[in-house]
Amino acid sequence: MHYKPYFERRYPWIERCIALLALLNLALVFFDLSYLYGRNFYFSVFPALTRYYDPIKGIRPHPETQYYLQQVEALETQLATGGWDAPQVEQSLAQLRPLSQRILAENPFAGANQNSSLETIKQQMRQRTGETFALDAFETFWSADYLQQRGWQSEFAFWQAEIRPLMQTNYYRGVNQWGLPTNRFWLLDLPFVIIFALDIAARLWGHHRRHPNLSWLDIALRRWYDFLLLIPFWRWLRVLPVAVRLNHSEVVTLEPVRAELQRDLIASFATETAQMIGIQIIDQMQASIERGEFIRTLFHPELSQRDRPELTTIATRLVGDSLRQAVPQVQADLENLVQYSITSSLNQFPGYRQLRRLPGLQRLSSYLTPKLAQALFRIFYHNLGDALQDPVGAQITTRLRRNFRDALERELLKRQNIQEVQSSLIEFLEDIKFNYVKNLTEMEGRQLIERAEELHKQVRG
């Protein structure tokens, strides 16, 4: 069950009413933000809505297009009452032709971002008259010959169905004293803001009474998102407090959404953190190699700041395990190597090859050499194992290890050798760093979260 603040637990019905009221206000905010984009749809489907809401946005019918429509209505009335014999018909047609030219030249639709409506009108008129240019189409349409030939009733029916609705969508907005478009939405928003302000004040006062040791600023910061309900600008930000209130009041359940967003955030943060930590560690190792600290620590661990006897214990354990388990597994190869060394050494003695030509001596040599190699390996293996357990043997082994280390250190610390070793180690770590970042990038953070959740389930189970 998700966390619920004190006010939601103490007054659940009040909180639900406020949450639903905030949801209604948010819907009204988004309707206001989208009204200008959807006004043409509202005008054609819900004309009553535009009559009531246009004054809120300061919208008025554009005077030029309204005057143009009035002239068309006057012409239609004249034709309907007196026919072509009416004296005003030719005069009205003569007025509509230059008015059409002005509409096309000045484009009164641009101020309301209604250019698409004007382009649709042009296209419809060109298709209706068969003209190539929109100006010629209007000239032809408002001519007596065209209307008489095509029948003015059918042409005016086309006008009323296709052209007039597009003309009526054009409008202009008034401006306030700051030169901004008129917007009286604050009149609709003010009652909601007053209710939200009273609710927030009641919450702050109640929280202050329960926790008098907290300052008013601390109390306000705990519910900082509630103040988004009061600001008169960027009203779309109210989606945050509305979502929180709906979730706390259990009107809707947003826990799956919150959990999914939290998973994405944690996964992204975990991936970035792992990359930074890994890169930082490898960079530190590369810097240590460049300063020579790695080589000194490798050969002289006793100079480190901490005494680490576990390293000696691990080394001794590794040597012992190698002798007891690893060496017997490669015994045949070692015996072949000893046999080859013995044979090579004997071949270097003067006259040995001539002696091998004596009858039976070559067969004896082939038989004795493997036996000698096996015997030498057994002696060396068992004596070395006993020497490691014996105090004197252990002392000799320690001295051998120290002398070998010093000799190896002297060779490696030569300028050319140490530069090659350091360069190789740095390049090796650079490859590791590249592959590390690449693998983390290919592995989505969600996989890390899923693995963590599986481990939590195993712990709880």
Protein backbone atom coordinates (compact mmCIF):
# COMPACT_ATOMS: atom_id res chain seq x y z
CA MET A 1 0.00 0.00 0.00
CA HIS A 2 1.39 3.39 -0.97
CA TYR A 3 2.06 6.18 1.49
CA LYS A 4 -0.83 8.54 2.32
CA PRO A 5 -0.27 11.88 4.07
CA TYR A 6 -2.10 12.79 7.26
CA PHE A 7 -4.74 15.01 5.61
CA GLU A 8 -5.74 12.26 3.18
CA ARG A 9 -6.08 9.77 6.05
CA ARG A 10 -8.04 12.13 8.29
CA TYR A 11 -10.37 13.70 5.69
CA PRO A 12 -10.61 11.23 2.79
CA TRP A 13 -13.87 12.58 1.32
CA ILE A 14 -12.66 16.16 1.31
CA GLU A 15 -9.45 15.06 -0.37
CA ARG A 16 -11.34 13.14 -3.04
CA CYS A 17 -13.56 16.12 -3.78
CA ILE A 18 -10.53 18.40 -4.08
CA ALA A 19 -8.76 15.84 -6.27
CA LEU A 20 -11.76 15.58 -8.62
CA LEU A 21 -12.05 19.36 -8.69
CA ALA A 22 -8.34 19.61 -9.57
CA LEU A 23 -8.85 17.05 -12.33
CA LEU A 24 -11.74 19.11 -13.73
CA ASN A 25 -9.60 22.24 -13.61
CA LEU A 26 -6.73 20.44 -15.37
CA ALA A 27 -9.09 19.29 -18.13
CA LEU A 28 -10.29 22.89 -18.52
CA VAL A 29 -6.67 24.09 -18.69
CA PHE A 30 -5.79 21.67 -21.48
CA PHE A 31 -9.01 22.53 -23.31
CA ASP A 32 -8.04 26.20 -23.17
CA LEU A 33 -4.51 25.45 -24.40
CA SER A 34 -5.84 23.44 -27.35
CA TYR A 35 -8.85 25.59 -28.18
CA LEU A 36 -7.24 27.65 -30.93
CA TYR A 37 -5.91 24.49 -32.61
CA GLY A 38 -9.29 22.76 -32.52
CA ARG A 39 -11.58 25.75 -33.05
CA ASN A 40 -12.38 24.84 -36.65
CA PHE A 41 -13.57 21.42 -35.49
CA TYR A 42 -15.58 22.91 -32.63
CA PHE A 43 -17.05 25.50 -35.00
CA SER A 44 -18.30 22.86 -37.43
CA VAL A 45 -19.43 20.24 -34.88
CA PHE A 46 -20.30 22.27 -31.74
CA PRO A 47 -21.04 25.80 -32.95
CA ALA A 48 -22.73 26.71 -29.65
CA LEU A 49 -19.46 25.99 -27.83
CA THR A 50 -17.55 28.49 -29.93
CA ARG A 51 -20.22 31.15 -29.38
CA TYR A 52 -19.70 30.89 -25.62
CA TYR A 53 -15.93 30.35 -25.54
CA ASP A 54 -14.79 32.75 -28.26
CA PRO A 55 -15.26 35.79 -25.94
CA ILE A 56 -12.98 34.08 -23.36
CA LYS A 57 -10.15 34.03 -25.92
CA GLY A 58 -11.04 37.48 -27.29
CA ILE A 59 -12.09 36.00 -30.64
CA ARG A 60 -14.32 37.99 -32.97
CA PRO A 61 -15.41 37.35 -36.56
CA HIS A 62 -12.98 38.97 -38.98
CA PRO A 63 -14.60 42.13 -40.43
CA GLU A 64 -13.28 41.64 -43.98
CA THR A 65 -14.51 38.10 -44.41
CA GLN A 66 -17.77 38.96 -42.63
CA TYR A 67 -18.37 41.86 -45.01
CA TYR A 68 -17.58 39.59 -47.94
CA LEU A 69 -20.13 37.02 -46.75
CA GLN A 70 -22.73 39.73 -46.26
CA GLN A 71 -22.27 40.86 -49.86
CA VAL A 72 -22.73 37.27 -51.05
CA GLU A 73 -25.92 36.96 -48.99
CA ALA A 74 -27.23 40.23 -50.44
CA LEU A 75 -26.59 38.96 -53.98
CA GLU A 76 -28.38 35.70 -53.23
CA THR A 77 -31.36 37.60 -51.83
CA GLN A 78 -31.52 39.82 -54.90
CA LEU A 79 -31.48 36.85 -57.25
CA ALA A 80 -34.08 35.02 -55.19
CA THR A 81 -36.50 37.95 -55.12
CA GLY A 82 -36.02 39.70 -58.48
CA GLY A 83 -33.99 37.33 -60.60
CA TRP A 84 -31.54 38.63 -63.15
CA ASP A 85 -33.83 41.55 -63.89
CA ALA A 86 -33.10 43.12 -60.46
CA PRO A 87 -31.03 46.30 -60.95
CA GLN A 88 -28.72 45.62 -57.98
CA VAL A 89 -27.47 42.21 -59.26
CA GLU A 90 -24.87 43.54 -61.67
CA GLN A 91 -23.72 46.10 -59.09
CA SER A 92 -23.30 43.35 -56.44
CA LEU A 93 -21.31 41.19 -58.85
CA ALA A 94 -19.13 44.18 -59.68
CA GLN A 95 -18.41 44.65 -55.94
CA LEU A 96 -17.63 40.98 -55.26
CA ARG A 97 -14.93 40.74 -57.91
CA PRO A 98 -12.59 43.43 -56.43
CA LEU A 99 -13.42 42.20 -52.92
CA SER A 100 -12.21 38.77 -53.96
CA GLN A 101 -9.00 40.28 -55.29
CA ARG A 102 -8.44 42.05 -51.96
CA ILE A 103 -9.09 38.84 -49.99
CA LEU A 104 -6.53 36.96 -52.07
CA ALA A 105 -3.95 39.77 -51.97
CA GLU A 106 -4.16 40.80 -48.30
CA ASN A 107 -4.91 37.32 -46.89
CA PRO A 108 -6.92 38.19 -43.75
CA PHE A 109 -6.64 34.53 -42.72
CA ALA A 110 -2.95 34.87 -41.83
CA GLY A 111 -3.53 36.69 -38.54
CA ALA A 112 -5.48 33.74 -37.13
CA ASN A 113 -3.15 31.09 -38.61
CA GLN A 114 -5.95 30.04 -40.95
CA ASN A 115 -3.87 29.90 -44.12
CA SER A 116 -4.98 26.33 -44.65
CA SER A 117 -8.60 27.50 -44.88
CA LEU A 118 -7.73 30.05 -47.57
CA GLU A 119 -5.77 27.46 -49.54
CA THR A 120 -8.73 25.09 -49.38
CA ILE A 121 -11.01 27.86 -50.64
CA LYS A 122 -8.67 28.52 -53.57
CA GLN A 123 -8.52 24.85 -54.45
CA GLN A 124 -12.29 24.45 -54.29
CA MET A 125 -12.88 27.51 -56.51
CA ARG A 126 -10.32 26.39 -59.11
CA GLN A 127 -11.87 22.95 -59.31
CA ARG A 128 -15.38 24.40 -59.55
CA THR A 129 -14.65 26.86 -62.34
CA GLY A 130 -11.91 24.96 -64.15
CA GLU A 131 -9.51 27.90 -63.97
CA THR A 132 -5.79 27.54 -63.34
CA PHE A 133 -5.34 30.54 -61.05
CA ALA A 134 -7.42 31.38 -57.98
CA LEU A 135 -7.89 35.02 -59.01
CA ASP A 136 -9.31 33.96 -62.37
CA ALA A 137 -11.54 31.45 -60.61
CA PHE A 138 -13.16 34.16 -58.45
CA GLU A 139 -13.50 36.47 -61.46
CA THR A 140 -15.27 33.75 -63.40
CA PHE A 141 -17.45 32.62 -60.50
CA TRP A 142 -18.80 36.15 -59.84
CA SER A 143 -19.76 36.79 -63.43
CA ALA A 144 -23.33 36.86 -64.79
CA ASP A 145 -22.47 34.64 -67.76
CA TYR A 146 -21.05 31.87 -65.54
CA LEU A 147 -23.91 31.94 -63.03
CA GLN A 148 -26.54 31.95 -65.77
CA GLN A 149 -24.86 29.15 -67.67
CA ARG A 150 -24.29 26.90 -64.62
CA GLY A 151 -27.42 27.95 -62.76
CA TRP A 152 -27.06 30.32 -59.88
CA GLN A 153 -29.03 28.09 -57.49
CA SER A 154 -26.54 25.20 -57.82
CA GLU A 155 -23.55 27.53 -57.57
CA PHE A 156 -24.86 29.20 -54.45
CA ALA A 157 -25.59 25.77 -52.97
CA PHE A 158 -21.94 24.92 -53.60
CA TRP A 159 -20.91 28.20 -51.95
CA GLN A 160 -23.05 27.58 -48.87
CA ALA A 161 -21.82 23.99 -48.46
CA GLU A 162 -18.10 24.32 -49.28
CA ILE A 163 -16.89 27.92 -49.16
CA ARG A 164 -19.00 29.73 -46.58
CA PRO A 165 -18.03 27.43 -43.60
CA LEU A 166 -14.35 28.03 -44.36
CA MET A 167 -14.91 31.79 -44.56
CA GLN A 168 -16.73 31.75 -41.23
CA THR A 169 -13.82 30.09 -39.43
CA ASN A 170 -11.68 33.19 -39.94
CA TYR A 171 -11.39 35.50 -36.94
CA TYR A 172 -9.19 38.03 -35.23
CA ARG A 173 -8.21 38.38 -31.56
CA GLY A 174 -8.15 41.57 -29.60
CA VAL A 175 -5.04 42.66 -27.69
CA ASN A 176 -4.68 43.94 -24.14
CA GLN A 177 -2.75 46.93 -22.85
CA TRP A 178 0.50 44.95 -23.00
CA GLY A 179 0.03 44.09 -26.66
CA LEU A 180 -0.73 40.44 -25.97
CA PRO A 181 -3.75 38.56 -27.34
CA THR A 182 -6.79 38.84 -25.12
CA ASN A 183 -7.27 35.84 -22.83
CA ARG A 184 -9.90 35.91 -20.09
CA PHE A 185 -9.33 32.35 -18.98
CA TRP A 186 -8.29 33.65 -15.56
CA LEU A 187 -11.96 34.43 -14.91
CA LEU A 188 -12.80 30.74 -15.24
CA ASP A 189 -9.68 29.69 -13.37
CA LEU A 190 -10.06 32.09 -10.43
CA PRO A 191 -12.74 30.11 -8.49
CA PHE A 192 -10.61 26.96 -8.71
CA VAL A 193 -7.50 28.84 -7.56
CA ILE A 194 -9.37 30.26 -4.53
CA ILE A 195 -10.50 26.77 -3.50
CA PHE A 196 -6.99 25.37 -3.98
CA ALA A 197 -5.50 28.25 -1.96
CA LEU A 198 -7.88 27.60 0.95
CA ASP A 199 -7.10 23.88 0.83
CA ILE A 200 -3.34 24.49 0.82
CA ALA A 201 -3.64 26.98 3.69
CA ALA A 202 -5.64 24.45 5.74
CA ARG A 203 -3.00 21.80 5.08
CA LEU A 204 -0.15 24.12 6.09
CA TRP A 205 -1.95 25.19 9.27
CA GLY A 206 -2.75 21.62 10.27
CA HIS A 207 0.81 20.48 9.62
CA HIS A 208 2.15 23.41 11.66
CA ARG A 209 -0.06 22.48 14.60
CA ARG A 210 1.17 18.86 14.54
CA HIS A 211 4.82 19.87 14.07
CA PRO A 212 5.33 23.28 15.73
CA ASN A 213 9.11 22.83 15.67
CA LEU A 214 9.15 23.13 11.87
CA SER A 215 9.28 26.50 10.16
CA TRP A 216 6.62 27.58 7.69
CA LEU A 217 9.18 27.33 4.90
CA ASP A 218 10.00 23.72 5.77
CA ILE A 219 6.33 22.85 5.86
CA ALA A 220 5.69 24.53 2.51
CA LEU A 221 8.62 22.77 0.88
CA ARG A 222 7.22 19.38 1.84
CA ARG A 223 4.22 20.06 -0.43
CA TRP A 224 5.92 22.35 -2.91
CA TYR A 225 4.10 20.84 -5.88
CA ASP A 226 0.73 22.04 -4.51
CA PHE A 227 1.71 25.63 -5.26
CA LEU A 228 1.70 24.79 -8.97
CA LEU A 229 -2.09 24.91 -8.67
CA LEU A 230 -1.92 28.64 -7.90
CA ILE A 231 0.41 30.05 -10.54
CA PRO A 232 -1.36 31.95 -13.37
CA PHE A 233 1.13 30.82 -16.03
CA TRP A 234 2.45 27.46 -17.22
CA ARG A 235 -0.81 25.98 -16.00
CA TRP A 236 0.01 22.66 -17.69
CA LEU A 237 2.41 22.01 -14.79
CA ARG A 238 -0.66 21.31 -12.65
CA VAL A 239 -0.60 17.80 -13.99
CA LEU A 240 1.96 16.96 -11.26
CA PRO A 241 -0.08 17.97 -8.17
CA VAL A 242 -3.26 16.60 -9.75
CA ALA A 243 -1.63 13.21 -10.31
CA VAL A 244 -0.31 13.15 -6.73
CA ARG A 245 -3.70 14.05 -5.28
CA LEU A 246 -5.55 11.48 -7.38
CA ASN A 247 -3.09 8.83 -6.26
CA HIS A 248 -3.24 9.76 -2.56
CA SER A 249 -7.03 9.95 -2.56
CA GLU A 250 -7.23 6.57 -4.36
CA VAL A 251 -9.48 8.00 -7.07
CA VAL A 252 -7.10 6.38 -9.55
CA THR A 253 -4.15 4.07 -8.92
CA LEU A 254 -0.92 5.46 -10.31
CA GLU A 255 1.41 3.13 -8.41
CA PRO A 256 2.26 1.01 -11.50
CA VAL A 257 3.12 4.17 -13.42
CA ARG A 258 5.19 5.54 -10.53
CA ALA A 259 6.98 2.21 -10.10
CA GLU A 260 7.77 2.03 -13.82
CA LEU A 261 9.10 5.58 -13.88
CA GLN A 262 11.16 4.86 -10.78
CA ARG A 263 12.56 1.70 -12.41
CA ASP A 264 13.63 3.64 -15.49
CA LEU A 265 15.22 6.36 -13.37
CA ILE A 266 17.06 3.91 -11.12
CA ALA A 267 18.18 1.80 -14.08
CA SER A 268 19.59 4.81 -15.91
CA PHE A 269 21.26 6.10 -12.73
CA ALA A 270 22.72 2.68 -11.92
CA THR A 271 24.17 2.29 -15.40
CA GLU A 272 25.72 5.76 -15.39
CA THR A 273 27.09 5.26 -11.87
CA ALA A 274 28.61 1.88 -12.72
CA GLN A 275 30.27 3.34 -15.78
CA MET A 276 31.74 6.29 -13.87
CA ILE A 277 32.99 4.12 -11.00
CA GLY A 278 34.54 1.54 -13.32
CA ILE A 279 36.22 4.17 -15.48
CA GLN A 280 37.50 6.01 -12.40
CA ILE A 281 39.02 2.83 -10.95
CA ILE A 282 40.75 1.91 -14.20
CA ASP A 283 41.99 5.49 -14.65
CA GLN A 284 43.49 5.39 -11.15
CA MET A 285 45.23 2.11 -11.97
CA GLN A 286 46.64 3.61 -15.18
CA ALA A 287 47.86 6.67 -13.28
CA SER A 288 49.46 4.41 -10.67
CA ILE A 289 51.28 2.50 -13.41
CA GLU A 290 52.52 5.73 -15.01
CA ARG A 291 53.89 6.94 -11.64
CA GLY A 292 55.66 3.62 -11.07
CA GLU A 293 53.67 2.83 -7.90
CA PHE A 294 52.34 -0.41 -9.33
CA ILE A 295 55.83 -1.83 -10.02
CA ARG A 296 57.10 -0.80 -6.57
CA THR A 297 54.10 -2.36 -4.85
CA LEU A 298 54.45 -5.51 -6.93
CA PHE A 299 58.06 -6.09 -5.92
CA HIS A 300 57.96 -4.53 -2.44
CA PRO A 301 54.55 -5.12 -0.87
CA GLU A 302 56.11 -4.55 2.54
CA LEU A 303 56.42 -0.84 1.66
CA SER A 304 52.66 -0.40 1.35
CA GLN A 305 50.81 1.50 4.07
CA ARG A 306 49.05 -1.61 5.32
CA ASP A 307 50.63 -4.88 6.36
CA ARG A 308 48.83 -7.63 4.49
CA PRO A 309 49.87 -11.11 5.72
CA GLU A 310 46.95 -12.58 3.80
CA LEU A 311 48.88 -12.01 0.56
CA THR A 312 51.73 -14.21 1.84
CA THR A 313 49.23 -16.85 2.95
CA ILE A 314 47.57 -16.85 -0.45
CA ALA A 315 50.93 -17.10 -2.25
CA THR A 316 52.03 -20.01 -0.03
CA ARG A 317 48.69 -21.75 -0.60
CA LEU A 318 48.97 -21.32 -4.35
CA VAL A 319 52.51 -22.76 -4.40
CA GLY A 320 51.45 -25.72 -2.26
CA ASP A 321 48.39 -26.45 -4.39
CA SER A 322 50.48 -26.20 -7.53
CA LEU A 323 52.94 -28.81 -6.25
CA ARG A 324 50.26 -31.19 -4.94
CA GLN A 325 47.70 -30.99 -7.72
CA ALA A 326 48.91 -29.10 -10.79
CA VAL A 327 52.40 -30.60 -11.17
CA PRO A 328 51.27 -34.28 -11.20
CA GLN A 329 48.86 -33.49 -14.03
CA VAL A 330 51.75 -32.36 -16.25
CA GLN A 331 54.19 -35.03 -15.01
CA ALA A 332 54.51 -36.72 -18.41
CA ASP A 333 55.40 -33.46 -20.12
CA LEU A 334 57.94 -32.58 -17.44
CA GLU A 335 59.54 -36.04 -17.69
CA ASN A 336 59.79 -35.67 -21.47
CA LEU A 337 61.44 -32.30 -20.95
CA VAL A 338 63.97 -33.78 -18.47
CA GLN A 339 64.65 -36.69 -20.83
CA TYR A 340 65.25 -34.32 -23.70
CA SER A 341 67.61 -32.24 -21.53
CA ILE A 342 69.60 -35.34 -20.50
CA THR A 343 69.89 -36.54 -24.07
CA SER A 344 70.98 -33.12 -25.28
CA SER A 345 73.58 -32.87 -22.51
CA LEU A 346 75.01 -36.31 -23.26
CA ASN A 347 75.27 -35.53 -26.95
CA GLN A 348 77.52 -32.62 -26.09
CA PHE A 349 80.14 -34.89 -24.44
CA PRO A 350 83.14 -35.75 -26.72
CA GLY A 351 83.02 -39.30 -28.04
CA TYR A 352 79.46 -40.02 -26.83
CA ARG A 353 78.15 -40.49 -30.33
CA GLN A 354 80.95 -42.96 -31.09
CA LEU A 355 80.16 -44.91 -27.92
CA ARG A 356 76.50 -45.22 -28.95
CA ARG A 357 77.62 -47.15 -32.04
CA LEU A 358 78.86 -50.03 -29.84
CA PRO A 359 76.57 -53.06 -29.96
CA GLY A 360 73.77 -52.87 -27.35
CA LEU A 361 74.79 -49.49 -25.95
CA GLN A 362 72.23 -47.51 -28.00
CA ARG A 363 69.39 -49.75 -26.77
CA LEU A 364 70.67 -49.39 -23.22
CA SER A 365 70.80 -45.63 -23.55
CA SER A 366 67.21 -45.52 -24.89
CA TYR A 367 66.10 -47.61 -21.91
CA LEU A 368 68.07 -45.84 -19.19
CA THR A 369 67.36 -42.23 -20.25
CA PRO A 370 63.56 -42.33 -19.60
CA LYS A 371 64.12 -44.17 -16.33
CA LEU A 372 66.68 -41.56 -15.27
CA ALA A 373 64.27 -38.75 -16.19
CA GLN A 374 61.48 -40.34 -14.14
CA ALA A 375 63.79 -40.84 -11.17
CA LEU A 376 65.06 -37.28 -11.31
CA PHE A 377 61.50 -35.91 -11.51
CA ARG A 378 60.38 -37.97 -8.49
CA ILE A 379 63.40 -36.92 -6.48
CA PHE A 380 62.94 -33.26 -7.39
CA TYR A 381 59.15 -33.31 -6.77
CA HIS A 382 59.29 -35.06 -3.39
CA ASN A 383 62.35 -33.19 -2.15
CA LEU A 384 60.84 -29.85 -3.16
CA GLY A 385 57.60 -30.64 -1.36
CA ASP A 386 59.51 -31.67 1.78
CA ALA A 387 61.73 -28.59 1.49
CA LEU A 388 58.70 -26.32 1.56
CA GLN A 389 57.56 -27.93 4.79
CA ASP A 390 61.02 -27.99 6.33
CA PRO A 391 62.16 -24.72 8.06
CA VAL A 392 65.57 -24.78 6.40
CA GLY A 393 63.99 -25.50 3.00
CA ALA A 394 61.43 -22.78 3.54
CA GLN A 395 64.25 -20.35 4.38
CA ILE A 396 66.12 -21.31 1.21
CA THR A 397 62.91 -20.97 -0.81
CA THR A 398 62.26 -17.54 0.66
CA ARG A 399 65.79 -16.41 -0.13
CA LEU A 400 65.45 -17.78 -3.66
CA ARG A 401 62.16 -15.96 -4.16
CA ARG A 402 63.68 -12.71 -2.85
CA ASN A 403 66.79 -12.98 -5.01
CA PHE A 404 64.72 -13.85 -8.07
CA ARG A 405 62.44 -10.90 -7.37
CA ASP A 406 65.40 -8.51 -7.01
CA ALA A 407 66.96 -9.76 -10.23
CA LEU A 408 63.67 -9.49 -12.07
CA GLU A 409 63.14 -6.01 -10.63
CA ARG A 410 66.56 -4.84 -11.78
CA GLU A 411 65.87 -6.00 -15.30
CA LEU A 412 62.37 -4.55 -15.41
CA LEU A 413 63.41 -1.20 -13.93
CA LYS A 414 65.75 -0.55 -16.81
CA ARG A 415 64.36 2.45 -18.66
CA GLN A 416 63.50 0.67 -21.89
CA ASN A 417 62.00 -2.38 -20.18
CA ILE A 418 59.86 -0.44 -17.69
CA GLN A 419 58.49 1.83 -20.41
CA GLU A 420 57.47 -1.19 -22.47
CA VAL A 421 55.84 -2.86 -19.45
CA GLN A 422 53.99 0.27 -18.42
CA SER A 423 52.80 0.95 -21.98
CA SER A 424 51.56 -2.63 -22.31
CA LEU A 425 49.73 -2.49 -18.98
CA ILE A 426 48.14 0.88 -19.80
CA GLU A 427 46.96 -0.36 -23.21
CA PHE A 428 45.62 -3.51 -21.58
CA LEU A 429 43.63 -1.47 -19.06
CA GLU A 430 42.40 0.80 -21.85
CA ASP A 431 40.98 -2.24 -23.65
CA ILE A 432 39.34 -3.37 -20.42
CA LYS A 433 37.80 0.09 -19.94
CA PHE A 434 36.44 0.14 -23.49
CA ASN A 435 34.92 -3.33 -23.18
CA TYR A 436 33.54 -2.46 -19.74
CA VAL A 437 31.68 0.60 -21.01
CA LYS A 438 30.57 -1.25 -24.14
CA ASN A 439 29.14 -4.15 -22.14
CA LEU A 440 27.31 -1.80 -19.78
CA THR A 441 25.87 0.09 -22.75
CA GLU A 442 24.68 -3.09 -24.42
CA MET A 443 23.23 -4.37 -21.17
CA GLU A 444 20.19 -2.26 -20.40
CA GLY A 445 19.76 -0.96 -16.89
CA ARG A 446 16.51 -2.87 -16.72
CA GLN A 447 18.48 -6.11 -16.69
CA LEU A 448 20.37 -4.90 -13.63
CA ILE A 449 17.08 -4.05 -11.92
CA GLU A 450 15.59 -7.42 -12.83
CA ARG A 451 18.61 -9.21 -11.39
CA ALA A 452 18.33 -7.18 -8.21
CA GLU A 453 14.64 -8.04 -7.93
CA GLU A 454 15.40 -11.74 -8.39
CA LEU A 455 17.94 -11.56 -5.55
CA HIS A 456 15.40 -9.77 -3.32
CA LYS A 457 12.86 -12.52 -4.04
CA GLN A 458 15.43 -15.17 -3.14
CA VAL A 459 16.25 -13.37 0.11
CA ARG A 460 12.57 -13.01 1.04
CA GLY A 461 11.89 -16.62 0.03
